[in-house]
């Protein structure tokens, strides 16, 4: 029965991942600008943008990605080496999501001490993880 829904679940999974990844790419970029913002009006604007992005888009998309992904695993099983490697990278990208949430809270409290350079560097993490995930899913090297 669940297998009949495989393609629909997979399509939903891809859409949720696209929304999640968009946020994972954009939020660190907002942090770069927020870290450099001198005026309180700008800092307030960034706080609102960051909170809405994280809570209204990124976190629901992450949860939807995980839910659909777990349903797909229920259909295809865990007996694929590439899937184990993908899951490791998904756990890492999820940890990155929560790291961004930590920085979000620090910016909201005006307690963030990291400079824009740090956020420019960590902005590359989701790209590297995404490349690994896509290669594993498409090529299925093992």
N, C-alpha and C. Protein backbone atom coordinates (compact mmCIF):
# COMPACT_ATOMS: atom_id res chain seq x y z
N UNK A 1 0.82 -1.20 0.00
CA UNK A 1 0.00 0.00 0.00
C UNK A 1 0.87 1.27 0.00
N UNK A 2 1.83 1.32 0.95
CA UNK A 2 2.72 2.49 1.01
C UNK A 2 3.55 2.60 -0.27
N UNK A 3 3.92 1.44 -0.83
CA UNK A 3 4.72 1.44 -2.06
C UNK A 3 3.98 2.09 -3.22
N UNK A 4 2.64 2.05 -3.19
CA UNK A 4 1.85 2.70 -4.25
C UNK A 4 2.04 4.21 -4.22
N UNK A 5 2.40 4.74 -3.10
CA UNK A 5 2.59 6.18 -2.92
C UNK A 5 4.05 6.61 -3.10
N UNK A 6 4.91 5.69 -3.47
CA UNK A 6 6.36 5.95 -3.53
C UNK A 6 6.70 7.22 -4.32
N UNK A 7 6.21 7.34 -5.53
CA UNK A 7 6.57 8.50 -6.37
C UNK A 7 6.06 9.81 -5.79
N UNK A 8 4.85 9.80 -5.24
CA UNK A 8 4.30 11.01 -4.64
C UNK A 8 5.11 11.41 -3.40
N UNK A 9 5.47 10.42 -2.60
CA UNK A 9 6.29 10.70 -1.40
C UNK A 9 7.65 11.22 -1.81
N UNK A 10 8.24 10.61 -2.82
CA UNK A 10 9.56 11.06 -3.29
C UNK A 10 9.50 12.48 -3.83
N UNK A 11 8.43 12.82 -4.57
CA UNK A 11 8.28 14.19 -5.08
C UNK A 11 8.14 15.17 -3.92
N UNK A 12 7.33 14.82 -2.92
CA UNK A 12 7.17 15.68 -1.74
C UNK A 12 8.50 15.85 -1.01
N UNK A 13 9.26 14.76 -0.91
CA UNK A 13 10.57 14.78 -0.26
C UNK A 13 11.50 15.77 -0.96
N UNK A 14 11.54 15.73 -2.28
CA UNK A 14 12.39 16.64 -3.06
C UNK A 14 11.95 18.08 -2.86
N UNK A 15 10.64 18.33 -2.89
CA UNK A 15 10.15 19.71 -2.69
C UNK A 15 10.51 20.23 -1.29
N UNK A 16 10.36 19.39 -0.29
CA UNK A 16 10.69 19.79 1.08
C UNK A 16 12.19 20.08 1.20
N UNK A 17 13.00 19.26 0.56
CA UNK A 17 14.45 19.46 0.60
C UNK A 17 14.83 20.78 -0.07
N UNK A 18 14.19 21.09 -1.19
CA UNK A 18 14.49 22.35 -1.88
C UNK A 18 14.20 23.53 -0.96
N UNK A 19 13.06 23.51 -0.29
CA UNK A 19 12.72 24.61 0.62
C UNK A 19 13.70 24.67 1.78
N UNK A 20 14.06 23.52 2.33
CA UNK A 20 15.00 23.48 3.46
C UNK A 20 16.37 24.00 3.04
N UNK A 21 16.85 23.53 1.90
CA UNK A 21 18.18 23.95 1.43
C UNK A 21 18.21 25.44 1.13
N UNK A 22 17.13 25.98 0.57
CA UNK A 22 17.09 27.42 0.31
C UNK A 22 17.32 28.18 1.60
N UNK A 23 16.68 27.75 2.67
CA UNK A 23 16.88 28.40 3.96
C UNK A 23 18.27 28.20 4.51
N UNK A 24 18.82 26.99 4.34
CA UNK A 24 20.17 26.72 4.82
C UNK A 24 21.22 27.54 4.08
N UNK A 25 20.93 27.89 2.84
CA UNK A 25 21.84 28.76 2.09
C UNK A 25 21.66 30.22 2.48
N UNK A 26 20.41 30.63 2.72
CA UNK A 26 20.10 32.05 2.91
C UNK A 26 20.33 32.55 4.33
N UNK A 27 20.00 31.73 5.34
CA UNK A 27 20.11 32.22 6.72
C UNK A 27 21.55 32.61 7.09
N UNK A 28 22.56 31.82 6.77
CA UNK A 28 23.92 32.28 7.09
C UNK A 28 24.29 33.58 6.38
N UNK A 29 23.74 33.78 5.17
CA UNK A 29 23.98 35.02 4.44
C UNK A 29 23.33 36.19 5.18
N UNK A 30 22.14 35.99 5.70
CA UNK A 30 21.52 37.03 6.53
C UNK A 30 22.37 37.32 7.76
N UNK A 31 22.94 36.27 8.34
CA UNK A 31 23.80 36.46 9.51
C UNK A 31 25.03 37.29 9.16
N UNK A 32 25.57 37.12 7.95
CA UNK A 32 26.71 37.93 7.51
C UNK A 32 26.33 39.41 7.56
N UNK A 33 25.18 39.73 6.99
CA UNK A 33 24.74 41.13 6.96
C UNK A 33 24.37 41.62 8.36
N UNK A 34 23.75 40.75 9.15
CA UNK A 34 23.37 41.12 10.51
C UNK A 34 24.61 41.42 11.35
N UNK A 35 25.64 40.60 11.21
CA UNK A 35 26.87 40.80 11.99
C UNK A 35 27.52 42.14 11.67
N UNK A 36 27.31 42.64 10.46
CA UNK A 36 27.90 43.92 10.05
C UNK A 36 26.97 45.11 10.29
N UNK A 37 25.71 44.85 10.62
CA UNK A 37 24.73 45.94 10.76
C UNK A 37 25.07 46.81 11.96
N UNK A 38 25.10 48.10 11.74
CA UNK A 38 25.41 49.06 12.80
C UNK A 38 24.16 49.71 13.38
N UNK A 39 23.17 49.91 12.53
CA UNK A 39 21.96 50.61 12.95
C UNK A 39 20.96 49.65 13.58
N UNK A 40 20.32 50.07 14.65
CA UNK A 40 19.35 49.23 15.35
C UNK A 40 18.17 48.86 14.44
N UNK A 41 17.77 49.76 13.57
CA UNK A 41 16.67 49.47 12.66
C UNK A 41 17.02 48.28 11.77
N UNK A 42 18.23 48.26 11.27
CA UNK A 42 18.67 47.14 10.42
C UNK A 42 18.76 45.85 11.23
N UNK A 43 19.31 45.93 12.43
CA UNK A 43 19.42 44.72 13.27
C UNK A 43 18.03 44.16 13.59
N UNK A 44 17.08 45.04 13.84
CA UNK A 44 15.71 44.60 14.12
C UNK A 44 15.09 43.93 12.89
N UNK A 45 15.32 44.52 11.74
CA UNK A 45 14.81 43.94 10.49
C UNK A 45 15.41 42.56 10.27
N UNK A 46 16.72 42.42 10.47
CA UNK A 46 17.35 41.11 10.30
C UNK A 46 16.80 40.09 11.29
N UNK A 47 16.58 40.51 12.54
CA UNK A 47 16.02 39.58 13.53
C UNK A 47 14.67 39.02 13.08
N UNK A 48 13.83 39.90 12.55
CA UNK A 48 12.51 39.46 12.08
C UNK A 48 12.66 38.51 10.89
N UNK A 49 13.48 38.88 9.93
CA UNK A 49 13.68 38.05 8.74
C UNK A 49 14.24 36.68 9.13
N UNK A 50 15.24 36.68 9.99
CA UNK A 50 15.88 35.43 10.40
C UNK A 50 14.90 34.51 11.13
N UNK A 51 14.15 35.09 12.06
CA UNK A 51 13.20 34.29 12.84
C UNK A 51 12.13 33.68 11.93
N UNK A 52 11.59 34.48 11.04
CA UNK A 52 10.54 33.97 10.14
C UNK A 52 11.08 32.89 9.21
N UNK A 53 12.26 33.11 8.68
CA UNK A 53 12.86 32.11 7.80
C UNK A 53 13.07 30.79 8.53
N UNK A 54 13.64 30.86 9.73
CA UNK A 54 13.95 29.65 10.49
C UNK A 54 12.68 28.93 10.95
N UNK A 55 11.74 29.68 11.51
CA UNK A 55 10.57 29.05 12.12
C UNK A 55 9.45 28.72 11.12
N UNK A 56 9.26 29.56 10.12
CA UNK A 56 8.13 29.37 9.21
C UNK A 56 8.47 28.59 7.95
N UNK A 57 9.76 28.56 7.58
CA UNK A 57 10.13 27.88 6.35
C UNK A 57 11.09 26.73 6.62
N UNK A 58 12.23 27.03 7.22
CA UNK A 58 13.28 26.02 7.36
C UNK A 58 12.88 24.83 8.24
N UNK A 59 12.37 25.12 9.43
CA UNK A 59 12.07 24.03 10.35
C UNK A 59 10.92 23.15 9.84
N UNK A 60 9.81 23.72 9.35
CA UNK A 60 8.79 22.84 8.77
C UNK A 60 9.32 22.05 7.57
N UNK A 61 10.16 22.67 6.74
CA UNK A 61 10.72 21.95 5.59
C UNK A 61 11.65 20.83 6.05
N UNK A 62 12.43 21.07 7.10
CA UNK A 62 13.30 20.02 7.63
C UNK A 62 12.45 18.85 8.14
N UNK A 63 11.41 19.16 8.90
CA UNK A 63 10.54 18.11 9.44
C UNK A 63 9.86 17.33 8.32
N UNK A 64 9.40 18.04 7.30
CA UNK A 64 8.77 17.38 6.15
C UNK A 64 9.77 16.51 5.40
N UNK A 65 11.02 16.99 5.27
CA UNK A 65 12.07 16.21 4.60
C UNK A 65 12.33 14.91 5.35
N UNK A 66 12.47 15.03 6.67
CA UNK A 66 12.70 13.85 7.49
C UNK A 66 11.52 12.88 7.43
N UNK A 67 10.29 13.40 7.54
CA UNK A 67 9.11 12.53 7.52
C UNK A 67 9.01 11.78 6.19
N UNK A 68 9.14 12.50 5.09
CA UNK A 68 9.06 11.86 3.78
C UNK A 68 10.22 10.89 3.58
N UNK A 69 11.41 11.29 4.02
CA UNK A 69 12.57 10.41 3.89
C UNK A 69 12.40 9.12 4.67
N UNK A 70 11.85 9.21 5.86
CA UNK A 70 11.62 7.99 6.66
C UNK A 70 10.55 7.11 6.02
N UNK A 71 9.55 7.72 5.41
CA UNK A 71 8.56 6.92 4.68
C UNK A 71 9.21 6.22 3.48
N UNK A 72 10.09 6.90 2.79
CA UNK A 72 10.80 6.28 1.67
C UNK A 72 11.66 5.12 2.14
N UNK A 73 12.30 5.29 3.30
CA UNK A 73 13.10 4.19 3.85
C UNK A 73 12.21 3.00 4.20
N UNK A 74 11.01 3.28 4.70
CA UNK A 74 10.07 2.20 5.00
C UNK A 74 9.71 1.42 3.74
N UNK A 75 9.74 2.09 2.59
CA UNK A 75 9.41 1.42 1.33
C UNK A 75 10.61 0.67 0.76
N UNK A 76 11.78 1.33 0.69
CA UNK A 76 12.93 0.71 0.01
C UNK A 76 13.83 -0.07 0.95
N UNK A 77 13.72 0.16 2.24
CA UNK A 77 14.56 -0.55 3.19
C UNK A 77 15.90 0.14 3.41
N UNK A 78 16.61 -0.36 4.40
CA UNK A 78 17.91 0.22 4.78
C UNK A 78 19.10 -0.59 4.28
N UNK A 79 18.87 -1.50 3.36
CA UNK A 79 19.95 -2.39 2.92
C UNK A 79 20.74 -1.85 1.73
N UNK A 80 20.99 -0.56 1.74
CA UNK A 80 21.77 0.08 0.67
C UNK A 80 22.90 0.87 1.32
N UNK A 81 24.14 0.59 0.92
CA UNK A 81 25.28 1.29 1.49
C UNK A 81 25.24 2.80 1.27
N UNK A 82 24.82 3.20 0.07
CA UNK A 82 24.74 4.63 -0.24
C UNK A 82 23.77 5.34 0.69
N UNK A 83 22.70 4.63 1.09
CA UNK A 83 21.70 5.23 1.96
C UNK A 83 22.25 5.48 3.36
N UNK A 84 23.09 4.56 3.84
CA UNK A 84 23.72 4.77 5.15
C UNK A 84 24.60 6.02 5.12
N UNK A 85 25.37 6.17 4.05
CA UNK A 85 26.24 7.34 3.92
C UNK A 85 25.40 8.61 3.80
N UNK A 86 24.31 8.54 3.03
CA UNK A 86 23.42 9.70 2.88
C UNK A 86 22.85 10.09 4.23
N UNK A 87 22.40 9.11 5.00
CA UNK A 87 21.81 9.41 6.31
C UNK A 87 22.82 10.09 7.23
N UNK A 88 24.07 9.69 7.15
CA UNK A 88 25.10 10.36 7.94
C UNK A 88 25.19 11.83 7.55
N UNK A 89 25.19 12.12 6.25
CA UNK A 89 25.25 13.51 5.79
C UNK A 89 23.98 14.28 6.16
N UNK A 90 22.83 13.60 6.14
CA UNK A 90 21.58 14.26 6.54
C UNK A 90 21.61 14.59 8.03
N UNK A 91 22.17 13.70 8.83
CA UNK A 91 22.31 14.01 10.26
C UNK A 91 23.22 15.23 10.45
N UNK A 92 24.30 15.31 9.68
CA UNK A 92 25.20 16.46 9.76
C UNK A 92 24.51 17.75 9.32
N UNK A 93 23.71 17.69 8.26
CA UNK A 93 23.03 18.90 7.79
C UNK A 93 21.95 19.30 8.79
N UNK A 94 21.36 18.33 9.46
CA UNK A 94 20.38 18.63 10.51
C UNK A 94 21.07 19.30 11.69
N UNK A 95 22.25 18.81 12.05
CA UNK A 95 23.02 19.45 13.12
C UNK A 95 23.36 20.89 12.74
N UNK A 96 23.69 21.11 11.46
CA UNK A 96 23.96 22.47 10.99
C UNK A 96 22.72 23.34 11.13
N UNK A 97 21.57 22.79 10.82
CA UNK A 97 20.30 23.51 10.99
C UNK A 97 20.17 24.01 12.43
N UNK A 98 20.44 23.12 13.39
CA UNK A 98 20.31 23.50 14.79
C UNK A 98 21.42 24.47 15.23
N UNK A 99 22.59 24.38 14.62
CA UNK A 99 23.64 25.37 14.87
C UNK A 99 23.15 26.76 14.45
N UNK A 100 22.49 26.83 13.30
CA UNK A 100 21.93 28.10 12.85
C UNK A 100 20.88 28.59 13.84
N UNK A 101 20.09 27.68 14.38
CA UNK A 101 19.10 28.06 15.39
C UNK A 101 19.76 28.63 16.63
N UNK A 102 20.91 28.08 17.00
CA UNK A 102 21.68 28.61 18.14
C UNK A 102 22.12 30.05 17.85
N UNK A 103 22.66 30.28 16.66
CA UNK A 103 23.09 31.64 16.30
C UNK A 103 21.89 32.58 16.21
N UNK A 104 20.77 32.08 15.73
CA UNK A 104 19.55 32.88 15.67
C UNK A 104 19.17 33.40 17.06
N UNK A 105 19.22 32.52 18.04
CA UNK A 105 18.90 32.93 19.42
C UNK A 105 19.91 33.95 19.94
N UNK A 106 21.16 33.77 19.60
CA UNK A 106 22.19 34.71 20.06
C UNK A 106 22.00 36.09 19.40
N UNK A 107 21.68 36.11 18.11
CA UNK A 107 21.39 37.39 17.45
C UNK A 107 20.15 38.04 18.06
N UNK A 108 19.13 37.25 18.35
CA UNK A 108 17.89 37.79 18.92
C UNK A 108 18.13 38.44 20.27
N UNK A 109 19.11 37.92 21.01
CA UNK A 109 19.44 38.47 22.33
C UNK A 109 20.56 39.49 22.27
N UNK A 110 20.98 39.88 21.07
CA UNK A 110 22.14 40.77 20.89
C UNK A 110 23.37 40.25 21.61
N UNK A 111 23.53 38.93 21.59
CA UNK A 111 24.66 38.30 22.27
C UNK A 111 25.62 37.62 21.31
N UNK A 112 25.39 37.73 20.01
CA UNK A 112 26.27 37.06 19.04
C UNK A 112 27.58 37.82 18.93
N UNK A 113 28.68 37.10 19.12
CA UNK A 113 30.01 37.72 19.09
C UNK A 113 30.80 37.36 17.83
N UNK A 114 30.27 36.45 17.03
CA UNK A 114 30.99 36.05 15.81
C UNK A 114 30.88 37.17 14.77
N UNK A 115 31.94 37.31 13.98
CA UNK A 115 31.92 38.34 12.95
C UNK A 115 31.42 37.77 11.62
N UNK A 116 31.28 38.65 10.65
CA UNK A 116 30.74 38.24 9.36
C UNK A 116 31.62 37.20 8.66
N UNK A 117 32.91 37.20 8.92
CA UNK A 117 33.81 36.22 8.29
C UNK A 117 33.43 34.80 8.68
N UNK A 118 33.13 34.58 9.95
CA UNK A 118 32.72 33.27 10.43
C UNK A 118 31.48 32.80 9.67
N UNK A 119 30.51 33.68 9.50
CA UNK A 119 29.27 33.30 8.83
C UNK A 119 29.48 33.09 7.33
N UNK A 120 30.43 33.81 6.75
CA UNK A 120 30.77 33.56 5.34
C UNK A 120 31.37 32.17 5.18
N UNK A 121 32.17 31.75 6.14
CA UNK A 121 32.79 30.42 6.07
C UNK A 121 31.75 29.31 6.27
N UNK A 122 30.93 29.43 7.32
CA UNK A 122 29.97 28.34 7.56
C UNK A 122 28.88 28.31 6.49
N UNK A 123 28.73 29.39 5.74
CA UNK A 123 27.76 29.41 4.65
C UNK A 123 28.08 28.34 3.60
N UNK A 124 29.30 27.86 3.57
CA UNK A 124 29.70 26.84 2.58
C UNK A 124 29.36 25.42 3.02
N UNK A 125 29.10 25.22 4.30
CA UNK A 125 28.85 23.87 4.83
C UNK A 125 27.67 23.18 4.15
N UNK A 126 26.50 23.84 4.03
CA UNK A 126 25.39 23.13 3.39
C UNK A 126 25.65 22.78 1.93
N UNK A 127 26.46 23.58 1.25
CA UNK A 127 26.78 23.27 -0.15
C UNK A 127 27.57 21.98 -0.24
N UNK A 128 28.58 21.85 0.60
CA UNK A 128 29.42 20.64 0.59
C UNK A 128 28.58 19.41 0.94
N UNK A 129 27.75 19.53 1.96
CA UNK A 129 26.91 18.40 2.36
C UNK A 129 25.90 18.05 1.26
N UNK A 130 25.31 19.07 0.63
CA UNK A 130 24.35 18.83 -0.44
C UNK A 130 25.00 18.09 -1.61
N UNK A 131 26.22 18.49 -1.97
CA UNK A 131 26.92 17.82 -3.07
C UNK A 131 27.09 16.34 -2.74
N UNK A 132 27.52 16.06 -1.52
CA UNK A 132 27.69 14.66 -1.12
C UNK A 132 26.39 13.89 -1.17
N UNK A 133 25.31 14.49 -0.69
CA UNK A 133 24.01 13.82 -0.68
C UNK A 133 23.52 13.55 -2.10
N UNK A 134 23.61 14.55 -2.96
CA UNK A 134 23.13 14.38 -4.33
C UNK A 134 23.94 13.31 -5.07
N UNK A 135 25.25 13.32 -4.91
CA UNK A 135 26.08 12.30 -5.55
C UNK A 135 25.69 10.91 -5.07
N UNK A 136 25.51 10.76 -3.77
CA UNK A 136 25.13 9.46 -3.23
C UNK A 136 23.78 8.98 -3.77
N UNK A 137 22.81 9.88 -3.83
CA UNK A 137 21.46 9.50 -4.26
C UNK A 137 21.42 9.20 -5.76
N UNK A 138 22.12 9.98 -6.56
CA UNK A 138 22.05 9.82 -8.01
C UNK A 138 22.98 8.71 -8.49
N UNK A 139 24.22 8.69 -8.01
CA UNK A 139 25.21 7.73 -8.50
C UNK A 139 25.08 6.38 -7.79
N UNK A 140 24.68 6.40 -6.52
CA UNK A 140 24.58 5.18 -5.70
C UNK A 140 25.87 4.34 -5.84
N UNK A 141 27.00 4.93 -5.39
CA UNK A 141 28.29 4.28 -5.64
C UNK A 141 28.51 2.97 -4.90
N UNK A 142 27.74 2.69 -3.89
CA UNK A 142 27.89 1.41 -3.17
C UNK A 142 26.59 1.03 -2.51
